[in-house]
């Protein structure tokens, strides 16, 4: 019985440790991605577009925080936004076609570069 308790406590402690670690892991551009979303910036693209894939890869896991509209799924939204190519970012009502660097996106949106600069 005592051996089972020790195993249980070890497993519970390991679970707590893993959950604490996973909550502190952040993507390379979480702050920027969240700031872009908070500022109303939107990326328009498609799943088949290689430039869109490259743009998403720049964010890595942080892309989950970016507001993204798939123009194959929502063509009317893209038409309404005046999207003519992929990817296109709409920031403060202006369209920025093509793949944008994370630094350019930060400058265009007024978002902080602090976490990106800390990585370099």
PDB file of N, CA and C in Angstrom:
ATOM      1  N   UNK A   1       0.821  -1.195   0.000  1.00  0.00           N
ATOM      2  CA  UNK A   1       0.000   0.000   0.000  1.00  0.00           C
ATOM      3  C   UNK A   1       0.863   1.256   0.000  1.00  0.00           C
ATOM      4  N   UNK A   2       1.929   1.239   0.817  1.00  0.00           N
ATOM      5  CA  UNK A   2       2.792   2.412   0.905  1.00  0.00           C
ATOM      6  C   UNK A   2       3.476   2.679  -0.445  1.00  0.00           C
ATOM      7  N   UNK A   3       3.873   1.614  -1.157  1.00  0.00           N
ATOM      8  CA  UNK A   3       4.512   1.759  -2.459  1.00  0.00           C
ATOM      9  C   UNK A   3       3.561   2.434  -3.450  1.00  0.00           C
ATOM     10  N   UNK A   4       2.284   2.067  -3.401  1.00  0.00           N
ATOM     11  CA  UNK A   4       1.292   2.686  -4.290  1.00  0.00           C
ATOM     12  C   UNK A   4       1.130   4.173  -3.987  1.00  0.00           C
ATOM     13  N   UNK A   5       1.177   4.541  -2.727  1.00  0.00           N
ATOM     14  CA  UNK A   5       1.062   5.953  -2.347  1.00  0.00           C
ATOM     15  C   UNK A   5       2.246   6.760  -2.869  1.00  0.00           C
ATOM     16  N   UNK A   6       3.436   6.179  -2.771  1.00  0.00           N
ATOM     17  CA  UNK A   6       4.632   6.868  -3.254  1.00  0.00           C
ATOM     18  C   UNK A   6       4.549   7.061  -4.765  1.00  0.00           C
ATOM     19  N   UNK A   7       4.138   6.044  -5.474  1.00  0.00           N
ATOM     20  CA  UNK A   7       3.997   6.146  -6.931  1.00  0.00           C
ATOM     21  C   UNK A   7       2.949   7.199  -7.287  1.00  0.00           C
ATOM     22  N   UNK A   8       1.840   7.185  -6.564  1.00  0.00           N
ATOM     23  CA  UNK A   8       0.780   8.155  -6.820  1.00  0.00           C
ATOM     24  C   UNK A   8       1.287   9.576  -6.586  1.00  0.00           C
ATOM     25  N   UNK A   9       1.995   9.805  -5.467  1.00  0.00           N
ATOM     26  CA  UNK A   9       2.507  11.140  -5.163  1.00  0.00           C
ATOM     27  C   UNK A   9       3.540  11.585  -6.201  1.00  0.00           C
ATOM     28  N   UNK A  10       4.377  10.658  -6.626  1.00  0.00           N
ATOM     29  CA  UNK A  10       5.365  10.977  -7.656  1.00  0.00           C
ATOM     30  C   UNK A  10       4.670  11.377  -8.956  1.00  0.00           C
ATOM     31  N   UNK A  11       3.676  10.601  -9.360  1.00  0.00           N
ATOM     32  CA  UNK A  11       2.945  10.883 -10.597  1.00  0.00           C
ATOM     33  C   UNK A  11       2.208  12.216 -10.500  1.00  0.00           C
ATOM     34  N   UNK A  12       1.594  12.480  -9.359  1.00  0.00           N
ATOM     35  CA  UNK A  12       0.872  13.744  -9.175  1.00  0.00           C
ATOM     36  C   UNK A  12       1.839  14.918  -9.226  1.00  0.00           C
ATOM     37  N   UNK A  13       2.994  14.770  -8.577  1.00  0.00           N
ATOM     38  CA  UNK A  13       3.996  15.838  -8.597  1.00  0.00           C
ATOM     39  C   UNK A  13       4.519  16.091  -9.990  1.00  0.00           C
ATOM     40  N   UNK A  14       4.757  15.040 -10.734  1.00  0.00           N
ATOM     41  CA  UNK A  14       5.224  15.166 -12.110  1.00  0.00           C
ATOM     42  C   UNK A  14       4.184  15.875 -12.976  1.00  0.00           C
ATOM     43  N   UNK A  15       2.938  15.530 -12.787  1.00  0.00           N
ATOM     44  CA  UNK A  15       1.857  16.165 -13.533  1.00  0.00           C
ATOM     45  C   UNK A  15       1.790  17.659 -13.230  1.00  0.00           C
ATOM     46  N   UNK A  16       1.903  18.026 -11.969  1.00  0.00           N
ATOM     47  CA  UNK A  16       1.886  19.437 -11.589  1.00  0.00           C
ATOM     48  C   UNK A  16       3.077  20.173 -12.212  1.00  0.00           C
ATOM     49  N   UNK A  17       4.237  19.558 -12.164  1.00  0.00           N
ATOM     50  CA  UNK A  17       5.430  20.167 -12.734  1.00  0.00           C
ATOM     51  C   UNK A  17       5.288  20.374 -14.238  1.00  0.00           C
ATOM     52  N   UNK A  18       4.789  19.369 -14.929  1.00  0.00           N
ATOM     53  CA  UNK A  18       4.609  19.487 -16.380  1.00  0.00           C
ATOM     54  C   UNK A  18       3.581  20.544 -16.743  1.00  0.00           C
ATOM     55  N   UNK A  19       2.496  20.619 -16.003  1.00  0.00           N
ATOM     56  CA  UNK A  19       1.475  21.619 -16.322  1.00  0.00           C
ATOM     57  C   UNK A  19       1.991  23.021 -16.040  1.00  0.00           C
ATOM     58  N   UNK A  20       2.809  23.182 -15.007  1.00  0.00           N
ATOM     59  CA  UNK A  20       3.387  24.490 -14.719  1.00  0.00           C
ATOM     60  C   UNK A  20       4.354  24.900 -15.815  1.00  0.00           C
ATOM     61  N   UNK A  21       5.146  23.967 -16.289  1.00  0.00           N
ATOM     62  CA  UNK A  21       6.098  24.268 -17.356  1.00  0.00           C
ATOM     63  C   UNK A  21       5.387  24.599 -18.654  1.00  0.00           C
ATOM     64  N   UNK A  22       4.358  23.869 -18.992  1.00  0.00           N
ATOM     65  CA  UNK A  22       3.670  24.104 -20.254  1.00  0.00           C
ATOM     66  C   UNK A  22       2.963  25.447 -20.271  1.00  0.00           C
ATOM     67  N   UNK A  23       2.547  25.946 -19.123  1.00  0.00           N
ATOM     68  CA  UNK A  23       1.862  27.234 -19.111  1.00  0.00           C
ATOM     69  C   UNK A  23       2.834  28.394 -19.267  1.00  0.00           C
ATOM     70  N   UNK A  24       4.128  28.150 -19.042  1.00  0.00           N
ATOM     71  CA  UNK A  24       5.093  29.223 -19.186  1.00  0.00           C
ATOM     72  C   UNK A  24       5.773  29.217 -20.547  1.00  0.00           C
ATOM     73  N   UNK A  25       5.553  28.185 -21.339  1.00  0.00           N
ATOM     74  CA  UNK A  25       6.148  28.127 -22.666  1.00  0.00           C
ATOM     75  C   UNK A  25       5.379  29.074 -23.578  1.00  0.00           C
ATOM     76  N   UNK A  26       6.097  29.951 -24.236  1.00  0.00           N
ATOM     77  CA  UNK A  26       5.453  30.893 -25.152  1.00  0.00           C
ATOM     78  C   UNK A  26       6.101  30.772 -26.518  1.00  0.00           C
ATOM     79  N   UNK A  27       5.328  31.117 -27.540  1.00  0.00           N
ATOM     80  CA  UNK A  27       5.847  31.088 -28.893  1.00  0.00           C
ATOM     81  C   UNK A  27       6.778  32.260 -29.123  1.00  0.00           C
ATOM     82  N   UNK A  28       7.465  32.255 -30.240  1.00  0.00           N
ATOM     83  CA  UNK A  28       8.469  33.276 -30.513  1.00  0.00           C
ATOM     84  C   UNK A  28       7.910  34.682 -30.682  1.00  0.00           C
ATOM     85  N   UNK A  29       6.642  34.797 -31.022  1.00  0.00           N
ATOM     86  CA  UNK A  29       6.078  36.120 -31.282  1.00  0.00           C
ATOM     87  C   UNK A  29       4.676  36.263 -30.684  1.00  0.00           C
ATOM     88  N   UNK A  30       4.437  35.626 -29.543  1.00  0.00           N
ATOM     89  CA  UNK A  30       3.111  35.699 -28.918  1.00  0.00           C
ATOM     90  C   UNK A  30       2.669  37.140 -28.671  1.00  0.00           C
ATOM     91  N   UNK A  31       3.573  37.937 -28.116  1.00  0.00           N
ATOM     92  CA  UNK A  31       3.227  39.319 -27.778  1.00  0.00           C
ATOM     93  C   UNK A  31       2.854  40.113 -29.024  1.00  0.00           C
ATOM     94  N   UNK A  32       3.643  39.969 -30.079  1.00  0.00           N
ATOM     95  CA  UNK A  32       3.354  40.675 -31.329  1.00  0.00           C
ATOM     96  C   UNK A  32       2.038  40.193 -31.927  1.00  0.00           C
ATOM     97  N   UNK A  33       1.840  38.885 -31.988  1.00  0.00           N
ATOM     98  CA  UNK A  33       0.615  38.335 -32.574  1.00  0.00           C
ATOM     99  C   UNK A  33      -0.613  38.825 -31.818  1.00  0.00           C
ATOM    100  N   UNK A  34      -0.546  38.836 -30.497  1.00  0.00           N
ATOM    101  CA  UNK A  34      -1.688  39.286 -29.698  1.00  0.00           C
ATOM    102  C   UNK A  34      -1.905  40.783 -29.883  1.00  0.00           C
ATOM    103  N   UNK A  35      -0.815  41.540 -29.955  1.00  0.00           N
ATOM    104  CA  UNK A  35      -0.941  42.983 -30.168  1.00  0.00           C
ATOM    105  C   UNK A  35      -1.569  43.284 -31.531  1.00  0.00           C
ATOM    106  N   UNK A  36      -1.156  42.541 -32.559  1.00  0.00           N
ATOM    107  CA  UNK A  36      -1.749  42.731 -33.885  1.00  0.00           C
ATOM    108  C   UNK A  36      -3.257  42.509 -33.827  1.00  0.00           C
ATOM    109  N   UNK A  37      -3.664  41.440 -33.166  1.00  0.00           N
ATOM    110  CA  UNK A  37      -5.087  41.142 -33.042  1.00  0.00           C
ATOM    111  C   UNK A  37      -5.803  42.227 -32.252  1.00  0.00           C
ATOM    112  N   UNK A  38      -5.195  42.643 -31.138  1.00  0.00           N
ATOM    113  CA  UNK A  38      -5.811  43.683 -30.301  1.00  0.00           C
ATOM    114  C   UNK A  38      -5.954  45.003 -31.052  1.00  0.00           C
ATOM    115  N   UNK A  39      -5.033  45.266 -31.989  1.00  0.00           N
ATOM    116  CA  UNK A  39      -5.086  46.519 -32.745  1.00  0.00           C
ATOM    117  C   UNK A  39      -6.034  46.441 -33.940  1.00  0.00           C
ATOM    118  N   UNK A  40      -6.585  45.245 -34.199  1.00  0.00           N
ATOM    119  CA  UNK A  40      -7.533  45.083 -35.296  1.00  0.00           C
ATOM    120  C   UNK A  40      -6.906  44.633 -36.603  1.00  0.00           C
ATOM    121  N   UNK A  41      -5.600  44.342 -36.597  1.00  0.00           N
ATOM    122  CA  UNK A  41      -4.938  43.877 -37.814  1.00  0.00           C
ATOM    123  C   UNK A  41      -5.452  42.495 -38.205  1.00  0.00           C
ATOM    124  N   UNK A  42      -5.570  42.269 -39.510  1.00  0.00           N
ATOM    125  CA  UNK A  42      -6.072  40.993 -40.020  1.00  0.00           C
ATOM    126  C   UNK A  42      -5.191  40.544 -41.176  1.00  0.00           C
ATOM    127  N   UNK A  43      -4.868  39.261 -41.188  1.00  0.00           N
ATOM    128  CA  UNK A  43      -4.165  38.686 -42.331  1.00  0.00           C
ATOM    129  C   UNK A  43      -5.175  37.920 -43.169  1.00  0.00           C
ATOM    130  N   UNK A  44      -5.203  38.221 -44.460  1.00  0.00           N
ATOM    131  CA  UNK A  44      -6.053  37.514 -45.411  1.00  0.00           C
ATOM    132  C   UNK A  44      -5.164  36.626 -46.262  1.00  0.00           C
ATOM    133  N   UNK A  45      -5.609  35.388 -46.488  1.00  0.00           N
ATOM    134  CA  UNK A  45      -4.816  34.471 -47.288  1.00  0.00           C
ATOM    135  C   UNK A  45      -5.595  33.225 -47.627  1.00  0.00           C
ATOM    136  N   UNK A  46      -4.872  32.208 -48.079  1.00  0.00           N
ATOM    137  CA  UNK A  46      -5.474  30.913 -48.384  1.00  0.00           C
ATOM    138  C   UNK A  46      -4.530  29.833 -47.878  1.00  0.00           C
ATOM    139  N   UNK A  47      -5.048  28.638 -47.764  1.00  0.00           N
ATOM    140  CA  UNK A  47      -4.226  27.517 -47.294  1.00  0.00           C
ATOM    141  C   UNK A  47      -3.244  27.047 -48.360  1.00  0.00           C
ATOM    142  N   UNK A  48      -3.552  27.234 -49.638  1.00  0.00           N
ATOM    143  CA  UNK A  48      -2.694  26.748 -50.711  1.00  0.00           C
ATOM    144  C   UNK A  48      -1.592  27.729 -51.095  1.00  0.00           C
ATOM    145  N   UNK A  49      -1.641  28.933 -50.606  1.00  0.00           N
ATOM    146  CA  UNK A  49      -0.697  29.988 -50.976  1.00  0.00           C
ATOM    147  C   UNK A  49       0.658  29.792 -50.278  1.00  0.00           C
ATOM    148  N   UNK A  50       1.739  29.623 -51.050  1.00  0.00           N
ATOM    149  CA  UNK A  50       3.053  29.415 -50.426  1.00  0.00           C
ATOM    150  C   UNK A  50       3.545  30.636 -49.645  1.00  0.00           C
ATOM    151  N   UNK A  51       3.172  31.838 -50.080  1.00  0.00           N
ATOM    152  CA  UNK A  51       3.582  33.049 -49.362  1.00  0.00           C
ATOM    153  C   UNK A  51       2.843  33.154 -48.022  1.00  0.00           C
ATOM    154  N   UNK A  52       1.590  32.705 -48.007  1.00  0.00           N
ATOM    155  CA  UNK A  52       0.823  32.690 -46.760  1.00  0.00           C
ATOM    156  C   UNK A  52       1.438  31.701 -45.774  1.00  0.00           C
ATOM    157  N   UNK A  53       1.839  30.553 -46.295  1.00  0.00           N
ATOM    158  CA  UNK A  53       2.490  29.554 -45.437  1.00  0.00           C
ATOM    159  C   UNK A  53       3.782  30.109 -44.864  1.00  0.00           C
ATOM    160  N   UNK A  54       4.548  30.806 -45.690  1.00  0.00           N
ATOM    161  CA  UNK A  54       5.801  31.403 -45.212  1.00  0.00           C
ATOM    162  C   UNK A  54       5.517  32.459 -44.136  1.00  0.00           C
ATOM    163  N   UNK A  55       4.467  33.244 -44.334  1.00  0.00           N
ATOM    164  CA  UNK A  55       4.103  34.266 -43.346  1.00  0.00           C
ATOM    165  C   UNK A  55       3.726  33.619 -42.020  1.00  0.00           C
ATOM    166  N   UNK A  56       2.937  32.560 -42.085  1.00  0.00           N
ATOM    167  CA  UNK A  56       2.546  31.842 -40.867  1.00  0.00           C
ATOM    168  C   UNK A  56       3.759  31.249 -40.158  1.00  0.00           C
ATOM    169  N   UNK A  57       4.699  30.719 -40.940  1.00  0.00           N
ATOM    170  CA  UNK A  57       5.894  30.110 -40.357  1.00  0.00           C
ATOM    171  C   UNK A  57       6.752  31.134 -39.625  1.00  0.00           C
ATOM    172  N   UNK A  58       6.711  32.390 -40.049  1.00  0.00           N
ATOM    173  CA  UNK A  58       7.460  33.436 -39.350  1.00  0.00           C
ATOM    174  C   UNK A  58       6.980  33.581 -37.906  1.00  0.00           C
ATOM    175  N   UNK A  59       5.695  33.369 -37.706  1.00  0.00           N
ATOM    176  CA  UNK A  59       5.114  33.464 -36.364  1.00  0.00           C
ATOM    177  C   UNK A  59       5.288  32.175 -35.572  1.00  0.00           C
ATOM    178  N   UNK A  60       5.470  31.069 -36.264  1.00  0.00           N
ATOM    179  CA  UNK A  60       5.547  29.784 -35.570  1.00  0.00           C
ATOM    180  C   UNK A  60       4.249  29.508 -34.833  1.00  0.00           C
ATOM    181  N   UNK A  61       4.350  28.989 -33.625  1.00  0.00           N
ATOM    182  CA  UNK A  61       3.151  28.664 -32.835  1.00  0.00           C
ATOM    183  C   UNK A  61       2.370  29.903 -32.432  1.00  0.00           C
ATOM    184  N   UNK A  62       2.985  31.065 -32.528  1.00  0.00           N
ATOM    185  CA  UNK A  62       2.312  32.309 -32.159  1.00  0.00           C
ATOM    186  C   UNK A  62       1.216  32.697 -33.145  1.00  0.00           C
ATOM    187  N   UNK A  63       1.218  32.085 -34.343  1.00  0.00           N
ATOM    188  CA  UNK A  63       0.211  32.452 -35.348  1.00  0.00           C
ATOM    189  C   UNK A  63      -1.208  32.195 -34.847  1.00  0.00           C
ATOM    190  N   UNK A  64      -1.360  31.310 -33.884  1.00  0.00           N
ATOM    191  CA  UNK A  64      -2.696  31.036 -33.339  1.00  0.00           C
ATOM    192  C   UNK A  64      -3.365  32.285 -32.769  1.00  0.00           C
ATOM    193  N   UNK A  65      -2.586  33.321 -32.445  1.00  0.00           N
ATOM    194  CA  UNK A  65      -3.138  34.550 -31.876  1.00  0.00           C
ATOM    195  C   UNK A  65      -3.427  35.618 -32.926  1.00  0.00           C
ATOM    196  N   UNK A  66      -3.093  35.355 -34.178  1.00  0.00           N
ATOM    197  CA  UNK A  66      -3.315  36.311 -35.257  1.00  0.00           C
ATOM    198  C   UNK A  66      -4.727  36.132 -35.809  1.00  0.00           C
ATOM    199  N   UNK A  67      -5.390  37.239 -36.067  1.00  0.00           N
ATOM    200  CA  UNK A  67      -6.687  37.162 -36.740  1.00  0.00           C
ATOM    201  C   UNK A  67      -6.428  36.868 -38.208  1.00  0.00           C
ATOM    202  N   UNK A  68      -6.954  35.746 -38.668  1.00  0.00           N
ATOM    203  CA  UNK A  68      -6.689  35.272 -40.025  1.00  0.00           C
ATOM    204  C   UNK A  68      -8.005  34.952 -40.718  1.00  0.00           C
ATOM    205  N   UNK A  69      -8.150  35.412 -41.965  1.00  0.00           N
ATOM    206  CA  UNK A  69      -9.328  35.115 -42.769  1.00  0.00           C
ATOM    207  C   UNK A  69      -8.876  34.309 -43.981  1.00  0.00           C
ATOM    208  N   UNK A  70      -9.416  33.116 -44.119  1.00  0.00           N
ATOM    209  CA  UNK A  70      -9.133  32.251 -45.264  1.00  0.00           C
ATOM    210  C   UNK A  70     -10.073  32.666 -46.391  1.00  0.00           C
ATOM    211  N   UNK A  71      -9.499  33.196 -47.464  1.00  0.00           N
ATOM    212  CA  UNK A  71     -10.311  33.730 -48.561  1.00  0.00           C
ATOM    213  C   UNK A  71     -11.012  32.656 -49.380  1.00  0.00           C
ATOM    214  N   UNK A  72     -10.566  31.401 -49.286  1.00  0.00           N
ATOM    215  CA  UNK A  72     -11.302  30.317 -49.936  1.00  0.00           C
ATOM    216  C   UNK A  72     -12.588  30.011 -49.170  1.00  0.00           C
ATOM    217  N   UNK A  73     -12.539  30.144 -47.863  1.00  0.00           N
ATOM    218  CA  UNK A  73     -13.711  29.868 -47.024  1.00  0.00           C
ATOM    219  C   UNK A  73     -14.637  31.073 -46.909  1.00  0.00           C
ATOM    220  N   UNK A  74     -14.056  32.272 -46.959  1.00  0.00           N
ATOM    221  CA  UNK A  74     -14.840  33.500 -46.773  1.00  0.00           C
ATOM    222  C   UNK A  74     -14.538  34.495 -47.896  1.00  0.00           C
ATOM    223  N   UNK A  75     -14.893  34.152 -49.141  1.00  0.00           N
ATOM    224  CA  UNK A  75     -14.545  35.015 -50.277  1.00  0.00           C
ATOM    225  C   UNK A  75     -15.179  36.407 -50.205  1.00  0.00           C
ATOM    226  N   UNK A  76     -16.376  36.494 -49.679  1.00  0.00           N
ATOM    227  CA  UNK A  76     -17.040  37.805 -49.617  1.00  0.00           C
ATOM    228  C   UNK A  76     -16.319  38.745 -48.658  1.00  0.00           C
ATOM    229  N   UNK A  77     -15.825  38.213 -47.543  1.00  0.00           N
ATOM    230  CA  UNK A  77     -15.072  39.037 -46.590  1.00  0.00           C
ATOM    231  C   UNK A  77     -13.811  39.588 -47.259  1.00  0.00           C
ATOM    232  N   UNK A  78     -13.177  38.779 -48.080  1.00  0.00           N
ATOM    233  CA  UNK A  78     -11.967  39.204 -48.772  1.00  0.00           C
ATOM    234  C   UNK A  78     -12.280  40.234 -49.853  1.00  0.00           C
ATOM    235  N   UNK A  79     -13.371  40.035 -50.553  1.00  0.00           N
ATOM    236  CA  UNK A  79     -13.813  41.004 -51.556  1.00  0.00           C
ATOM    237  C   UNK A  79     -14.127  42.338 -50.884  1.00  0.00           C
ATOM    238  N   UNK A  80     -14.849  42.275 -49.771  1.00  0.00           N
ATOM    239  CA  UNK A  80     -15.213  43.494 -49.044  1.00  0.00           C
ATOM    240  C   UNK A  80     -13.983  44.247 -48.539  1.00  0.00           C
ATOM    241  N   UNK A  81     -12.923  43.521 -48.206  1.00  0.00           N
ATOM    242  CA  UNK A  81     -11.694  44.146 -47.691  1.00  0.00           C
ATOM    243  C   UNK A  81     -10.768  44.609 -48.818  1.00  0.00           C
ATOM    244  N   UNK A  82     -11.159  44.346 -50.080  1.00  0.00           N
ATOM    245  CA  UNK A  82     -10.356  44.780 -51.219  1.00  0.00           C
ATOM    246  C   UNK A  82      -9.100  43.951 -51.427  1.00  0.00           C
ATOM    247  N   UNK A  83      -9.148  42.687 -51.043  1.00  0.00           N
ATOM    248  CA  UNK A  83      -7.992  41.807 -51.155  1.00  0.00           C
ATOM    249  C   UNK A  83      -7.818  41.394 -52.614  1.00  0.00           C
ATOM    250  N   UNK A  84      -6.619  41.625 -53.150  1.00  0.00           N
ATOM    251  CA  UNK A  84      -6.330  41.266 -54.534  1.00  0.00           C
ATOM    252  C   UNK A  84      -5.224  40.236 -54.658  1.00  0.00           C
ATOM    253  N   UNK A  85      -4.516  39.947 -53.576  1.00  0.00           N
ATOM    254  CA  UNK A  85      -3.442  38.955 -53.589  1.00  0.00           C
ATOM    255  C   UNK A  85      -3.210  38.443 -52.181  1.00  0.00           C
ATOM    256  N   UNK A  86      -2.442  37.372 -52.100  1.00  0.00           N
ATOM    257  CA  UNK A  86      -2.241  36.718 -50.807  1.00  0.00           C
ATOM    258  C   UNK A  86      -0.760  36.623 -50.476  1.00  0.00           C
ATOM    259  N   UNK A  87      -0.411  36.764 -49.239  1.00  0.00           N
ATOM    260  CA  UNK A  87      -1.229  37.285 -48.150  1.00  0.00           C
ATOM    261  C   UNK A  87      -1.373  38.795 -48.270  1.00  0.00           C
ATOM    262  N   UNK A  88      -2.389  39.327 -47.659  1.00  0.00           N
ATOM    263  CA  UNK A  88      -2.551  40.766 -47.513  1.00  0.00           C
ATOM    264  C   UNK A  88      -2.917  41.037 -46.061  1.00  0.00           C
ATOM    265  N   UNK A  89      -2.197  41.958 -45.470  1.00  0.00           N
ATOM    266  CA  UNK A  89      -2.505  42.422 -44.113  1.00  0.00           C
ATOM    267  C   UNK A  89      -3.326  43.691 -44.216  1.00  0.00           C
ATOM    268  N   UNK A  90      -4.367  43.797 -43.411  1.00  0.00           N
ATOM    269  CA  UNK A  90      -5.113  45.043 -43.288  1.00  0.00           C
ATOM    270  C   UNK A  90      -4.833  45.570 -41.880  1.00  0.00           C
ATOM    271  N   UNK A  91      -4.166  46.730 -41.856  1.00  0.00           N
ATOM    272  CA  UNK A  91      -3.773  47.354 -40.594  1.00  0.00           C
ATOM    273  C   UNK A  91      -4.208  48.813 -40.638  1.00  0.00           C
ATOM    274  N   UNK A  92      -5.000  49.208 -39.671  1.00  0.00           N
ATOM    275  CA  UNK A  92      -5.519  50.579 -39.599  1.00  0.00           C
ATOM    276  C   UNK A  92      -6.176  51.009 -40.906  1.00  0.00           C
ATOM    277  N   UNK A  93      -6.902  50.081 -41.534  1.00  0.00           N
ATOM    278  CA  UNK A  93      -7.649  50.391 -42.744  1.00  0.00           C
ATOM    279  C   UNK A  93      -6.843  50.402 -44.026  1.00  0.00           C
ATOM    280  N   UNK A  94      -5.538  50.169 -43.943  1.00  0.00           N
ATOM    281  CA  UNK A  94      -4.691  50.145 -45.146  1.00  0.00           C
ATOM    282  C   UNK A  94      -4.295  48.708 -45.460  1.00  0.00           C
ATOM    283  N   UNK A  95      -4.231  48.402 -46.753  1.00  0.00           N
ATOM    284  CA  UNK A  95      -3.838  47.062 -47.201  1.00  0.00           C
ATOM    285  C   UNK A  95      -2.336  47.006 -47.464  1.00  0.00           C
ATOM    286  N   UNK A  96      -1.719  45.942 -46.971  1.00  0.00           N
ATOM    287  CA  UNK A  96      -0.288  45.697 -47.170  1.00  0.00           C
ATOM    288  C   UNK A  96      -0.138  44.307 -47.789  1.00  0.00           C
ATOM    289  N   UNK A  97      -0.086  44.244 -49.134  1.00  0.00           N
ATOM    290  CA  UNK A  97       0.020  42.946 -49.794  1.00  0.00           C
ATOM    291  C   UNK A  97       1.426  42.371 -49.691  1.00  0.00           C
ATOM    292  N   UNK A  98       1.493  41.048 -49.731  1.00  0.00           N
ATOM    293  CA  UNK A  98       2.774  40.357 -49.719  1.00  0.00           C
ATOM    294  C   UNK A  98       3.199  39.961 -48.317  1.00  0.00           C
ATOM    295  N   UNK A  99       4.199  39.109 -48.277  1.00  0.00           N
ATOM    296  CA  UNK A  99       4.744  38.650 -47.005  1.00  0.00           C
ATOM    297  C   UNK A  99       5.436  39.823 -46.321  1.00  0.00           C
ATOM    298  N   UNK A 100       5.098  40.058 -45.065  1.00  0.00           N
ATOM    299  CA  UNK A 100       5.671  41.163 -44.298  1.00  0.00           C
ATOM    300  C   UNK A 100       6.584  40.603 -43.206  1.00  0.00           C
ATOM    301  N   UNK A 101       7.697  41.254 -42.953  1.00  0.00           N
ATOM    302  CA  UNK A 101       8.549  40.820 -41.844  1.00  0.00           C
ATOM    303  C   UNK A 101       7.832  41.126 -40.530  1.00  0.00           C
ATOM    304  N   UNK A 102       8.199  40.410 -39.489  1.00  0.00           N
ATOM    305  CA  UNK A 102       7.603  40.669 -38.177  1.00  0.00           C
ATOM    306  C   UNK A 102       7.921  42.087 -37.726  1.00  0.00           C
ATOM    307  N   UNK A 103       9.107  42.579 -38.061  1.00  0.00           N
ATOM    308  CA  UNK A 103       9.477  43.942 -37.702  1.00  0.00           C
ATOM    309  C   UNK A 103       8.606  44.964 -38.423  1.00  0.00           C
ATOM    310  N   UNK A 104       8.339  44.732 -39.712  1.00  0.00           N
ATOM    311  CA  UNK A 104       7.468  45.646 -40.447  1.00  0.00           C
ATOM    312  C   UNK A 104       6.052  45.629 -39.887  1.00  0.00           C
ATOM    313  N   UNK A 105       5.562  44.446 -39.550  1.00  0.00           N
ATOM    314  CA  UNK A 105       4.220  44.357 -38.965  1.00  0.00           C
ATOM    315  C   UNK A 105       4.150  45.114 -37.647  1.00  0.00           C
ATOM    316  N   UNK A 106       5.192  45.003 -36.847  1.00  0.00           N
ATOM    317  CA  UNK A 106       5.225  45.726 -35.566  1.00  0.00           C
ATOM    318  C   UNK A 106       5.208  47.235 -35.817  1.00  0.00           C
ATOM    319  N   UNK A 107       6.005  47.697 -36.758  1.00  0.00           N
ATOM    320  CA  UNK A 107       6.058  49.133 -37.052  1.00  0.00           C
ATOM    321  C   UNK A 107       4.739  49.643 -37.607  1.00  0.00           C
ATOM    322  N   UNK A 108       4.157  48.893 -38.546  1.00  0.00           N
ATOM    323  CA  UNK A 108       2.897  49.313 -39.159  1.00  0.00           C
ATOM    324  C   UNK A 108       1.755  49.382 -38.153  1.00  0.00           C
ATOM    325  N   UNK A 109       1.778  48.503 -37.169  1.00  0.00           N
ATOM    326  CA  UNK A 109       0.689  48.420 -36.202  1.00  0.00           C
ATOM    327  C   UNK A 109       0.949  49.195 -34.925  1.00  0.00           C
ATOM    328  N   UNK A 110       2.184  49.623 -34.718  1.00  0.00           N
ATOM    329  CA  UNK A 110       2.529  50.305 -33.469  1.00  0.00           C
ATOM    330  C   UNK A 110       2.774  49.342 -32.320  1.00  0.00           C
ATOM    331  N   UNK A 111       2.940  48.073 -32.640  1.00  0.00           N
ATOM    332  CA  UNK A 111       3.191  47.060 -31.611  1.00  0.00           C
ATOM    333  C   UNK A 111       4.659  47.073 -31.201  1.00  0.00           C
ATOM    334  N   UNK A 112       4.909  46.548 -30.030  1.00  0.00           N
ATOM    335  CA  UNK A 112       6.258  46.514 -29.462  1.00  0.00           C
ATOM    336  C   UNK A 112       7.119  45.463 -30.147  1.00  0.00           C
ATOM    337  N   UNK A 113       8.381  45.772 -30.280  1.00  0.00           N
ATOM    338  CA  UNK A 113       9.357  44.829 -30.810  1.00  0.00           C
ATOM    339  C   UNK A 113      10.159  44.172 -29.691  1.00  0.00           C
ATOM    340  N   UNK A 114       9.860  44.471 -28.443  1.00  0.00           N
ATOM    341  CA  UNK A 114      10.718  44.067 -27.329  1.00  0.00           C
ATOM    342  C   UNK A 114      11.003  42.570 -27.285  1.00  0.00           C
ATOM    343  N   UNK A 115       9.995  41.727 -27.437  1.00  0.00           N
ATOM    344  CA  UNK A 115      10.262  40.296 -27.351  1.00  0.00           C
ATOM    345  C   UNK A 115      11.019  39.788 -28.557  1.00  0.00           C
ATOM    346  N   UNK A 116      10.807  40.401 -29.715  1.00  0.00           N
ATOM    347  CA  UNK A 116      11.539  39.984 -30.908  1.00  0.00           C
ATOM    348  C   UNK A 116      12.994  40.430 -30.815  1.00  0.00           C
ATOM    349  N   UNK A 117      13.240  41.629 -30.316  1.00  0.00           N
ATOM    350  CA  UNK A 117      14.597  42.123 -30.192  1.00  0.00           C
ATOM    351  C   UNK A 117      15.376  41.340 -29.147  1.00  0.00           C
ATOM    352  N   UNK A 118      14.694  40.884 -28.114  1.00  0.00           N
ATOM    353  CA  UNK A 118      15.352  40.130 -27.047  1.00  0.00           C
ATOM    354  C   UNK A 118      15.878  38.793 -27.567  1.00  0.00           C
ATOM    355  N   UNK A 119      15.270  38.275 -28.632  1.00  0.00           N
ATOM    356  CA  UNK A 119      15.695  36.989 -29.177  1.00  0.00           C
ATOM    357  C   UNK A 119      16.953  37.116 -30.028  1.00  0.00           C
ATOM    358  N   UNK A 120      17.257  38.302 -30.499  1.00  0.00           N
ATOM    359  CA  UNK A 120      18.430  38.505 -31.369  1.00  0.00           C
ATOM    360  C   UNK A 120      19.630  38.942 -30.585  1.00  0.00           C
TER     361      UNK A 120
END
